Amino acid sequence: MSWPEGIEARPIDKGDVEAWAALMAAKEKVDQDGENYSPEDLSEELDLPHLDLPRDSLGLWADGRMIGYGIAHVATSVVDVDRVRAEGTIDPEWRRRGLGTALMHWLIRRAGELHAAKHPESPGQVGAGTNSDNVSAISMLERLGFKPERFFFDMRRPLDQPVPEVQLADGLRLASYDPAYEESLRQAHFEAFSDHWGWTPPTVEAWRQRSVGARAFRGAQSYVVLDGDTVAAYVNCFEWEADTEATGVRELYIGQVGTRRAYRGRGLARATLAKVLAEAAQAGYERASLGVDADNPTGALGLYERLGFTTHKKFTNYQLPIRSDV
């Protein structure tokens, strides 16, 4: 692919994380997605085991600045559809010059290559998400043939509000996360999310890197419901220090909430979330946030609303079928 004169296009590596963080900060000022990243956060992203950085990533540079980037993420397994996730952005100062469209063409082509190499036996899609208020991004995706497929809500709750006390059934107990629970937690998560849209079981390494092994994971603020040695339900929490620095608000992000199927309908998620919220307030957090699928099959949206969460932003996941000739 040819790029305009003065634009250098090359794969991203660990030496680029400072420039990448600056690009993401410029993006956030305009797009207001509620996402802030430090160079250390982004360095961790480049360690994801499924990424082949020389082939799956692209950085765009001008005058020594990273002005755009794209990364294609392929799943290690497929349940129904091979969804290759495309992420990227263009620096707001460099938008409306065709760079975003060109970058998305590159991502679509790379997604087709990954699908053909990894999961050609399954139907394939390119997936891309955007803030539902981002008119320019939506317009670009629709021009390229993307269609909206799924909707997600970003929800927030101030922690100066009272938290209801919720009791567990006899024989069950709440405990903050301990590394001894890691394998039982993983099994609970895989079971809890197996009926969710877009779920594909990651490798153990990938799951750990995205959860209990992540630098943003906060074990002291994460809780599990134990039935003997079995994790019956759980809430995994995270804190991005770059968010606090950018917003001045210390926020606890509730990243994963799940209940094993045999334990559903017993109020375990509500009890665990109530404990997390109460303890977060005691620990000095000012706000809790989370993301939820609008069509979550477990009724999570209603649960969060009853606990005082309100919708802050809406995001749309778009999809484009991968053609066999891509």
Protein backbone atom coordinates (compact mmCIF):
# COMPACT_ATOMS: atom_id res chain seq x y z
CA MET A 1 0.00 0.00 0.00
CA SER A 2 1.30 3.46 -0.87
CA TRP A 3 1.02 6.31 1.63
CA PRO A 4 1.16 10.08 1.02
CA GLU A 5 4.57 11.68 0.72
CA GLY A 6 6.04 12.40 4.13
CA ILE A 7 4.19 9.52 5.85
CA GLU A 8 6.27 6.58 7.04
CA ALA A 9 4.40 3.31 7.66
CA ARG A 10 6.07 0.54 9.66
CA PRO A 11 5.17 -2.07 12.31
CA ILE A 12 4.93 -1.03 15.96
CA ASP A 13 7.47 -2.23 18.51
CA LYS A 14 8.25 -1.64 22.19
CA GLY A 15 10.38 1.38 21.34
CA ASP A 16 7.28 3.19 20.09
CA VAL A 17 5.19 3.16 23.26
CA GLU A 18 5.95 6.75 24.33
CA ALA A 19 4.90 8.07 20.93
CA TRP A 20 1.89 5.74 20.91
CA ALA A 21 0.78 7.02 24.33
CA ALA A 22 1.01 10.60 23.07
CA LEU A 23 -1.16 9.67 20.07
CA MET A 24 -3.76 8.02 22.33
CA ALA A 25 -3.84 11.11 24.58
CA ALA A 26 -4.48 13.34 21.56
CA LYS A 27 -7.24 11.01 20.41
CA GLU A 28 -8.92 10.98 23.83
CA LYS A 29 -9.04 14.79 24.02
CA VAL A 30 -11.22 14.84 20.92
CA ASP A 31 -13.08 11.51 20.92
CA GLN A 32 -13.78 11.36 24.67
CA ASP A 33 -13.95 7.56 24.82
CA GLY A 34 -12.96 7.52 28.49
CA GLU A 35 -9.72 5.62 27.82
CA ASN A 36 -6.29 6.79 28.93
CA TYR A 37 -3.10 4.74 28.68
CA SER A 38 0.43 5.08 29.96
CA PRO A 39 3.42 3.84 27.93
CA GLU A 40 3.61 0.91 30.38
CA ASP A 41 -0.02 -0.02 29.68
CA LEU A 42 0.61 0.00 25.94
CA SER A 43 3.82 -1.98 26.28
CA GLU A 44 1.79 -4.69 27.98
CA GLU A 45 -0.65 -4.66 25.05
CA LEU A 46 2.19 -5.49 22.68
CA ASP A 47 2.95 -8.63 24.69
CA LEU A 48 -0.38 -10.28 23.90
CA PRO A 49 0.52 -13.82 22.77
CA HIS A 50 -1.64 -13.86 19.63
CA LEU A 51 0.04 -10.81 18.09
CA ASP A 52 2.63 -11.08 15.34
CA LEU A 53 3.69 -7.45 15.57
CA PRO A 54 5.70 -7.28 12.34
CA ARG A 55 2.60 -8.39 10.43
CA ASP A 56 -0.41 -7.48 12.60
CA SER A 57 0.52 -3.89 13.51
CA LEU A 58 1.16 -0.69 11.64
CA GLY A 59 2.26 2.73 12.85
CA LEU A 60 2.04 5.88 10.75
CA TRP A 61 4.69 8.52 11.33
CA ALA A 62 5.23 12.13 10.22
CA ASP A 63 7.96 14.49 11.40
CA GLY A 64 9.00 12.04 14.12
CA ARG A 65 5.47 11.74 15.56
CA MET A 66 3.20 8.72 15.50
CA ILE A 67 0.08 10.09 13.80
CA GLY A 68 -1.84 6.84 13.43
CA TYR A 69 -1.80 3.15 14.21
CA GLY A 70 -3.68 -0.06 13.45
CA ILE A 71 -3.60 -3.54 14.98
CA ALA A 72 -5.48 -6.66 13.84
CA HIS A 73 -6.35 -9.20 16.55
CA VAL A 74 -7.25 -12.78 15.63
CA ALA A 75 -8.82 -15.20 18.12
CA THR A 76 -7.04 -18.43 18.96
CA SER A 77 -10.25 -20.44 18.51
CA VAL A 78 -13.70 -20.05 16.96
CA VAL A 79 -17.15 -20.90 18.35
CA ASP A 80 -19.46 -19.58 15.61
CA VAL A 81 -17.78 -16.78 13.63
CA ASP A 82 -14.10 -15.88 13.28
CA ARG A 83 -14.19 -12.27 14.41
CA VAL A 84 -10.91 -10.51 13.64
CA ARG A 85 -10.89 -7.32 15.70
CA ALA A 86 -9.50 -4.17 14.08
CA GLU A 87 -8.36 -1.31 16.30
CA GLY A 88 -6.70 1.95 15.41
CA THR A 89 -6.93 5.70 15.16
CA ILE A 90 -5.59 8.76 13.39
CA ASP A 91 -4.31 11.82 15.26
CA PRO A 92 -7.10 14.44 15.13
CA GLU A 93 -4.72 16.94 13.50
CA TRP A 94 -4.26 14.52 10.59
CA ARG A 95 -7.87 13.51 10.03
CA ARG A 96 -9.95 14.23 6.90
CA ARG A 97 -7.01 13.44 4.61
CA GLY A 98 -7.99 9.86 3.79
CA LEU A 99 -5.54 8.29 6.22
CA GLY A 100 -8.23 6.64 8.34
CA THR A 101 -9.83 5.02 5.29
CA ALA A 102 -6.45 3.85 4.00
CA LEU A 103 -5.57 2.43 7.41
CA MET A 104 -8.89 0.59 7.58
CA HIS A 105 -8.28 -0.89 4.11
CA TRP A 106 -4.96 -2.21 5.45
CA LEU A 107 -6.71 -3.68 8.50
CA ILE A 108 -9.41 -5.31 6.36
CA ARG A 109 -6.77 -6.89 4.15
CA ARG A 110 -4.75 -8.11 7.14
CA ALA A 111 -7.93 -9.52 8.73
CA GLY A 112 -8.58 -11.49 5.55
CA GLU A 113 -5.04 -12.90 5.64
CA LEU A 114 -5.37 -13.89 9.29
CA HIS A 115 -8.74 -15.53 8.70
CA ALA A 116 -7.43 -17.51 5.73
CA ALA A 117 -4.39 -18.64 7.71
CA LYS A 118 -6.04 -19.42 11.07
CA HIS A 119 -9.73 -20.29 10.67
CA PRO A 120 -10.70 -20.66 6.99
CA GLU A 121 -13.31 -23.32 7.85
CA SER A 122 -15.51 -20.77 9.66
CA PRO A 123 -17.32 -17.67 8.42
CA GLY A 124 -15.17 -14.59 9.01
CA GLN A 125 -15.84 -10.99 9.98
CA VAL A 126 -13.81 -7.87 10.59
CA GLY A 127 -15.01 -6.21 13.79
CA ALA A 128 -14.50 -2.55 14.67
CA GLY A 129 -15.98 -0.58 17.56
CA THR A 130 -16.60 3.11 18.05
CA ASN A 131 -18.21 5.57 20.40
CA SER A 132 -21.79 5.97 19.16
CA ASP A 133 -21.29 9.77 19.15
CA ASN A 134 -18.29 9.60 16.81
CA VAL A 135 -20.05 10.63 13.61
CA SER A 136 -16.91 10.66 11.44
CA ALA A 137 -15.83 7.16 12.46
CA ILE A 138 -19.35 5.81 11.90
CA SER A 139 -19.51 7.46 8.48
CA MET A 140 -16.18 5.94 7.45
CA LEU A 141 -17.16 2.45 8.58
CA GLU A 142 -20.49 2.61 6.81
CA ARG A 143 -18.84 3.82 3.57
CA LEU A 144 -16.63 0.74 3.74
CA GLY A 145 -19.65 -1.55 4.09
CA PHE A 146 -19.59 -2.17 7.85
CA LYS A 147 -22.94 -2.78 9.55
CA PRO A 148 -23.81 -2.31 13.25
CA GLU A 149 -23.95 -5.68 15.01
CA ARG A 150 -23.93 -5.15 18.78
CA PHE A 151 -24.34 -2.32 21.27
CA PHE A 152 -22.53 -1.74 24.56
CA PHE A 153 -23.00 0.69 27.41
CA ASP A 154 -20.25 2.34 29.46
CA MET A 155 -21.76 2.78 32.95
CA ARG A 156 -20.61 4.73 36.00
CA ARG A 157 -21.52 5.00 39.65
CA PRO A 158 -20.20 7.55 42.17
CA LEU A 159 -19.01 5.85 45.34
CA ASP A 160 -20.35 8.45 47.77
CA GLN A 161 -23.80 6.86 47.43
CA PRO A 162 -24.93 4.21 49.95
CA VAL A 163 -24.40 0.58 48.97
CA PRO A 164 -27.06 -2.04 49.84
CA GLU A 165 -26.06 -4.86 52.13
CA VAL A 166 -26.65 -8.22 50.49
CA GLN A 167 -26.41 -11.54 52.30
CA LEU A 168 -25.14 -14.77 50.79
CA ALA A 169 -26.87 -18.12 51.14
CA ASP A 170 -25.61 -20.43 53.86
CA GLY A 171 -22.45 -22.31 52.96
CA LEU A 172 -21.10 -19.63 50.65
CA ARG A 173 -18.56 -16.98 51.58
CA LEU A 174 -17.02 -13.86 50.06
CA ALA A 175 -13.26 -13.43 49.89
CA SER A 176 -10.92 -10.98 48.22
CA TYR A 177 -8.86 -12.48 45.42
CA ASP A 178 -5.93 -14.69 46.32
CA PRO A 179 -3.54 -16.30 43.78
CA ALA A 180 -4.58 -19.67 45.19
CA TYR A 181 -7.97 -19.13 43.51
CA GLU A 182 -6.52 -18.46 40.05
CA GLU A 183 -7.34 -21.76 38.34
CA SER A 184 -10.82 -22.04 39.85
CA LEU A 185 -11.45 -18.42 38.85
CA ARG A 186 -10.36 -19.14 35.29
CA GLN A 187 -12.69 -22.12 35.09
CA ALA A 188 -15.56 -20.07 36.48
CA HIS A 189 -14.94 -17.30 33.96
CA PHE A 190 -14.79 -19.67 31.00
CA GLU A 191 -18.07 -21.28 32.05
CA ALA A 192 -19.81 -18.01 32.88
CA PHE A 193 -18.97 -16.39 29.55
CA SER A 194 -19.46 -19.42 27.30
CA ASP A 195 -23.02 -18.28 26.42
CA HIS A 196 -22.07 -14.64 25.76
CA TRP A 197 -21.97 -13.07 22.31
CA GLY A 198 -18.57 -13.16 20.64
CA TRP A 199 -17.01 -15.41 23.29
CA THR A 200 -14.11 -17.57 22.21
CA PRO A 201 -12.07 -19.33 24.89
CA PRO A 202 -8.59 -17.80 25.04
CA THR A 203 -5.47 -19.70 25.93
CA VAL A 204 -4.63 -19.86 29.63
CA GLU A 205 -1.72 -17.48 28.99
CA ALA A 206 -3.91 -14.96 27.17
CA TRP A 207 -6.62 -15.11 29.84
CA ARG A 208 -4.09 -14.52 32.60
CA GLN A 209 -2.50 -11.60 30.77
CA ARG A 210 -5.92 -9.95 30.38
CA SER A 211 -7.02 -10.62 33.96
CA VAL A 212 -5.11 -11.54 37.12
CA GLY A 213 -1.70 -11.05 35.48
CA ALA A 214 -2.40 -7.57 34.12
CA ARG A 215 -0.57 -4.64 35.72
CA ALA A 216 -3.93 -2.86 36.15
CA PHE A 217 -5.53 -5.80 38.01
CA ARG A 218 -6.40 -5.00 41.62
CA GLY A 219 -6.64 -8.24 43.59
CA ALA A 220 -7.42 -6.49 46.88
CA GLN A 221 -10.51 -4.92 45.27
CA SER A 222 -11.59 -8.09 43.42
CA TYR A 223 -13.85 -10.58 45.15
CA VAL A 224 -14.95 -14.18 44.69
CA VAL A 225 -17.82 -16.20 46.12
CA LEU A 226 -16.50 -19.53 47.37
CA ASP A 227 -18.37 -22.79 47.77
CA GLY A 228 -15.66 -24.76 49.50
CA ASP A 229 -12.71 -24.44 47.12
CA THR A 230 -14.89 -23.69 44.09
CA VAL A 231 -15.26 -20.15 42.76
CA ALA A 232 -19.01 -19.87 42.22
CA ALA A 233 -19.05 -16.18 41.22
CA TYR A 234 -16.52 -13.38 40.92
CA VAL A 235 -15.88 -9.71 40.18
CA ASN A 236 -12.47 -8.78 38.75
CA CYS A 237 -11.42 -5.15 39.13
CA PHE A 238 -8.81 -2.93 37.52
CA GLU A 239 -7.34 0.52 37.94
CA TRP A 240 -5.63 2.52 35.21
CA GLU A 241 -3.41 5.11 36.84
CA ALA A 242 -3.30 7.03 33.57
CA ASP A 243 -7.06 7.58 33.90
CA THR A 244 -6.65 9.10 37.35
CA GLU A 245 -3.86 11.36 36.12
CA ALA A 246 -5.94 12.53 33.15
CA THR A 247 -9.29 12.96 34.91
CA GLY A 248 -8.39 13.68 38.52
CA VAL A 249 -10.90 10.98 39.55
CA ARG A 250 -9.75 7.71 41.08
CA GLU A 251 -11.90 5.11 39.36
CA LEU A 252 -12.21 1.36 39.88
CA TYR A 253 -13.08 -0.44 36.65
CA ILE A 254 -15.16 -3.58 37.05
CA GLY A 255 -13.76 -5.67 34.23
CA GLN A 256 -15.40 -9.07 34.55
CA VAL A 257 -18.48 -10.21 36.46
CA GLY A 258 -19.54 -13.84 36.24
CA THR A 259 -21.49 -16.63 37.93
CA ARG A 260 -21.24 -20.33 37.19
CA ARG A 261 -24.48 -21.64 35.68
CA ALA A 262 -25.36 -23.91 38.60
CA TYR A 263 -25.24 -20.90 40.95
CA ARG A 264 -27.24 -18.42 38.88
CA GLY A 265 -30.45 -16.94 40.20
CA ARG A 266 -29.19 -16.79 43.79
CA GLY A 267 -28.05 -13.16 43.89
CA LEU A 268 -24.33 -13.94 43.96
CA ALA A 269 -23.32 -11.26 41.45
CA ARG A 270 -25.34 -8.65 43.34
CA ALA A 271 -23.76 -9.61 46.66
CA THR A 272 -20.26 -9.59 45.21
CA LEU A 273 -20.74 -6.25 43.48
CA ALA A 274 -22.15 -4.70 46.65
CA LYS A 275 -19.05 -5.86 48.52
CA VAL A 276 -16.75 -4.49 45.81
CA LEU A 277 -18.48 -1.09 45.82
CA ALA A 278 -18.43 -0.77 49.60
CA GLU A 279 -14.77 -1.77 49.87
CA ALA A 280 -13.77 0.50 46.97
CA ALA A 281 -15.30 3.50 48.72
CA GLN A 282 -13.40 2.60 51.90
CA ALA A 283 -10.17 2.31 49.91
CA GLY A 284 -10.49 5.84 48.54
CA TYR A 285 -11.92 5.23 45.09
CA GLU A 286 -14.34 7.93 43.99
CA ARG A 287 -16.14 6.18 41.15
CA ALA A 288 -16.81 2.71 39.77
CA SER A 289 -17.29 2.00 36.07
CA LEU A 290 -17.97 -0.98 33.82
CA GLY A 291 -18.99 -1.94 30.30
CA VAL A 292 -21.98 -4.13 29.49
CA ASP A 293 -23.46 -5.74 26.40
CA ALA A 294 -26.92 -4.24 25.90
CA ASP A 295 -28.24 -7.74 25.13
CA ASN A 296 -26.34 -9.60 27.85
CA PRO A 297 -28.23 -12.91 28.32
CA THR A 298 -27.88 -12.87 32.14
CA GLY A 299 -29.76 -9.59 32.62
CA ALA A 300 -26.61 -7.81 33.77
CA LEU A 301 -27.80 -4.38 32.60
CA GLY A 302 -30.77 -4.43 34.97
CA LEU A 303 -28.57 -5.62 37.85
CA TYR A 304 -26.15 -2.74 37.35
CA GLU A 305 -28.96 -0.20 37.14
CA ARG A 306 -30.46 -1.47 40.40
CA LEU A 307 -27.08 -1.00 42.05
CA GLY A 308 -26.99 2.66 41.01
CA PHE A 309 -25.00 2.56 37.77
CA THR A 310 -26.13 4.86 34.96
CA THR A 311 -25.15 4.89 31.30
CA HIS A 312 -22.40 7.37 30.49
CA LYS A 313 -21.66 6.50 26.86
CA LYS A 314 -22.80 4.06 24.21
CA PHE A 315 -20.53 2.12 21.88
CA THR A 316 -21.37 0.22 18.72
CA ASN A 317 -19.60 -2.84 17.36
CA TYR A 318 -19.59 -2.93 13.55
CA GLN A 319 -18.86 -5.93 11.36
CA LEU A 320 -17.86 -6.52 7.77
CA PRO A 321 -17.95 -10.05 6.29
CA ILE A 322 -14.56 -11.29 5.15
CA ARG A 323 -14.68 -12.27 1.52
CA SER A 324 -12.82 -15.37 0.40
CA ASP A 325 -10.96 -13.30 -2.20
CA VAL A 326 -9.59 -10.78 0.37
